[in-house]
N, C-alpha and C. Protein backbone atom coordinates (compact mmCIF):
# COMPACT_ATOMS: atom_id res chain seq x y z
N UNK A 1 -1.24 -31.29 -3.29
CA UNK A 1 -1.68 -29.91 -3.22
C UNK A 1 -1.27 -29.31 -1.88
N UNK A 2 -0.69 -28.12 -1.92
CA UNK A 2 -0.26 -27.44 -0.71
C UNK A 2 -1.37 -26.51 -0.24
N UNK A 3 -1.58 -26.48 1.05
CA UNK A 3 -2.54 -25.55 1.62
C UNK A 3 -1.88 -24.82 2.77
N UNK A 4 -2.28 -23.59 2.97
CA UNK A 4 -1.74 -22.83 4.09
C UNK A 4 -2.60 -23.07 5.31
N UNK A 5 -2.01 -22.98 6.49
CA UNK A 5 -2.82 -23.13 7.71
C UNK A 5 -3.90 -22.06 7.76
N UNK A 6 -5.00 -22.38 8.38
CA UNK A 6 -6.14 -21.48 8.48
C UNK A 6 -5.76 -20.16 9.14
N UNK A 7 -4.84 -20.19 10.10
CA UNK A 7 -4.43 -18.99 10.80
C UNK A 7 -3.93 -17.93 9.81
N UNK A 8 -3.11 -18.33 8.85
CA UNK A 8 -2.59 -17.38 7.87
C UNK A 8 -3.72 -16.85 7.00
N UNK A 9 -4.67 -17.70 6.64
CA UNK A 9 -5.81 -17.24 5.84
C UNK A 9 -6.59 -16.18 6.59
N UNK A 10 -6.81 -16.41 7.89
CA UNK A 10 -7.53 -15.43 8.69
C UNK A 10 -6.76 -14.12 8.79
N UNK A 11 -5.44 -14.21 8.98
CA UNK A 11 -4.61 -13.01 9.07
C UNK A 11 -4.60 -12.27 7.74
N UNK A 12 -4.50 -13.01 6.65
CA UNK A 12 -4.51 -12.39 5.32
C UNK A 12 -5.84 -11.69 5.06
N UNK A 13 -6.92 -12.33 5.44
CA UNK A 13 -8.25 -11.74 5.23
C UNK A 13 -8.40 -10.47 6.06
N UNK A 14 -7.89 -10.50 7.29
CA UNK A 14 -7.97 -9.32 8.15
C UNK A 14 -7.10 -8.19 7.59
N UNK A 15 -5.89 -8.53 7.15
CA UNK A 15 -5.01 -7.52 6.54
C UNK A 15 -5.65 -6.91 5.31
N UNK A 16 -6.27 -7.75 4.49
CA UNK A 16 -6.93 -7.27 3.28
C UNK A 16 -8.08 -6.33 3.63
N UNK A 17 -8.86 -6.70 4.61
CA UNK A 17 -9.98 -5.86 5.03
C UNK A 17 -9.48 -4.52 5.57
N UNK A 18 -8.45 -4.55 6.40
CA UNK A 18 -7.91 -3.31 6.96
C UNK A 18 -7.36 -2.41 5.86
N UNK A 19 -6.69 -3.00 4.88
CA UNK A 19 -6.15 -2.21 3.78
C UNK A 19 -7.27 -1.58 2.97
N UNK A 20 -8.32 -2.34 2.69
CA UNK A 20 -9.46 -1.78 1.94
C UNK A 20 -10.12 -0.65 2.70
N UNK A 21 -10.29 -0.82 4.02
CA UNK A 21 -10.90 0.24 4.84
C UNK A 21 -10.03 1.49 4.84
N UNK A 22 -8.71 1.30 4.98
CA UNK A 22 -7.79 2.44 4.97
C UNK A 22 -7.85 3.17 3.62
N UNK A 23 -7.80 2.41 2.52
CA UNK A 23 -7.82 3.03 1.20
C UNK A 23 -9.14 3.73 0.93
N UNK A 24 -10.25 3.14 1.38
CA UNK A 24 -11.56 3.80 1.23
C UNK A 24 -11.57 5.12 1.99
N UNK A 25 -11.06 5.09 3.22
CA UNK A 25 -11.01 6.31 4.04
C UNK A 25 -10.12 7.36 3.38
N UNK A 26 -8.91 6.96 2.96
CA UNK A 26 -7.98 7.91 2.35
C UNK A 26 -8.55 8.52 1.08
N UNK A 27 -9.18 7.70 0.26
CA UNK A 27 -9.77 8.20 -0.98
C UNK A 27 -10.91 9.16 -0.68
N UNK A 28 -11.76 8.80 0.25
CA UNK A 28 -12.89 9.66 0.63
C UNK A 28 -12.40 11.01 1.13
N UNK A 29 -11.38 11.00 1.99
CA UNK A 29 -10.84 12.25 2.53
C UNK A 29 -10.18 13.09 1.43
N UNK A 30 -9.45 12.45 0.54
CA UNK A 30 -8.80 13.18 -0.55
C UNK A 30 -9.83 13.82 -1.47
N UNK A 31 -10.89 13.10 -1.75
CA UNK A 31 -11.95 13.65 -2.61
C UNK A 31 -12.67 14.79 -1.90
N UNK A 32 -12.87 14.65 -0.59
CA UNK A 32 -13.55 15.68 0.18
C UNK A 32 -12.75 16.97 0.20
N UNK A 33 -11.44 16.83 0.41
CA UNK A 33 -10.55 17.99 0.51
C UNK A 33 -10.04 18.45 -0.84
N UNK A 34 -10.44 17.73 -1.88
CA UNK A 34 -10.01 18.07 -3.24
C UNK A 34 -8.49 18.06 -3.37
N UNK A 35 -7.83 17.09 -2.71
CA UNK A 35 -6.37 17.01 -2.72
C UNK A 35 -5.86 15.82 -3.52
N UNK A 36 -6.75 15.10 -4.18
CA UNK A 36 -6.35 13.94 -4.97
C UNK A 36 -5.63 14.43 -6.23
N UNK A 37 -4.43 13.85 -6.48
CA UNK A 37 -3.63 14.25 -7.64
C UNK A 37 -3.26 13.02 -8.45
N UNK A 38 -3.11 13.19 -9.76
CA UNK A 38 -2.62 12.06 -10.56
C UNK A 38 -1.15 11.81 -10.23
N UNK A 39 -0.74 10.54 -10.31
CA UNK A 39 0.65 10.17 -10.07
C UNK A 39 1.41 10.38 -11.37
N UNK A 40 2.34 11.31 -11.37
CA UNK A 40 3.03 11.69 -12.58
C UNK A 40 4.40 11.02 -12.71
N UNK A 41 4.96 11.13 -13.89
CA UNK A 41 6.32 10.63 -14.13
C UNK A 41 7.31 11.35 -13.22
N UNK A 42 7.11 12.64 -13.02
CA UNK A 42 8.01 13.41 -12.16
C UNK A 42 7.95 12.90 -10.72
N UNK A 43 6.76 12.58 -10.25
CA UNK A 43 6.62 12.04 -8.90
C UNK A 43 7.34 10.69 -8.79
N UNK A 44 7.19 9.88 -9.80
CA UNK A 44 7.84 8.57 -9.82
C UNK A 44 9.35 8.71 -9.79
N UNK A 45 9.88 9.63 -10.58
CA UNK A 45 11.32 9.86 -10.61
C UNK A 45 11.82 10.37 -9.26
N UNK A 46 11.07 11.26 -8.63
CA UNK A 46 11.45 11.78 -7.32
C UNK A 46 11.46 10.66 -6.28
N UNK A 47 10.47 9.77 -6.34
CA UNK A 47 10.41 8.65 -5.40
C UNK A 47 11.58 7.71 -5.61
N UNK A 48 11.92 7.45 -6.86
CA UNK A 48 13.05 6.58 -7.15
C UNK A 48 14.37 7.18 -6.65
N UNK A 49 14.51 8.50 -6.75
CA UNK A 49 15.72 9.16 -6.25
C UNK A 49 15.83 9.04 -4.74
N UNK A 50 14.68 9.10 -4.05
CA UNK A 50 14.69 8.99 -2.59
C UNK A 50 15.20 7.63 -2.12
N UNK A 51 14.87 6.58 -2.86
CA UNK A 51 15.25 5.24 -2.41
C UNK A 51 16.48 4.69 -3.14
N UNK A 52 17.08 5.50 -4.00
CA UNK A 52 18.26 5.07 -4.74
C UNK A 52 19.38 4.70 -3.77
N UNK A 53 19.92 3.52 -3.95
CA UNK A 53 21.03 3.06 -3.12
C UNK A 53 20.62 2.45 -1.79
N UNK A 54 19.34 2.47 -1.47
CA UNK A 54 18.88 1.87 -0.22
C UNK A 54 18.92 0.35 -0.34
N UNK A 55 19.49 -0.30 0.66
CA UNK A 55 19.54 -1.75 0.67
C UNK A 55 18.85 -2.25 1.93
N UNK A 56 17.99 -3.24 1.77
CA UNK A 56 17.29 -3.81 2.90
C UNK A 56 18.05 -5.02 3.43
N UNK A 57 18.06 -5.17 4.74
CA UNK A 57 18.69 -6.32 5.34
C UNK A 57 17.75 -7.51 5.22
N UNK A 58 18.32 -8.70 5.06
CA UNK A 58 17.51 -9.91 5.06
C UNK A 58 16.96 -10.13 6.45
N UNK A 59 15.74 -10.62 6.51
CA UNK A 59 15.12 -10.86 7.82
C UNK A 59 15.57 -12.15 8.40
């Protein structure tokens, strides 16, 4: 059985917590300002056009 070092587990847990806090904040603000919108097919197509042809370098 493979296990990851504890350091990575701690970092993953911290990243997960920060992401949840950020998303909670963003959702709360969007609901407050009444700016929350459904993600539409048109939005998806526009996003795909923005990244069309983009290639990432290997790390």
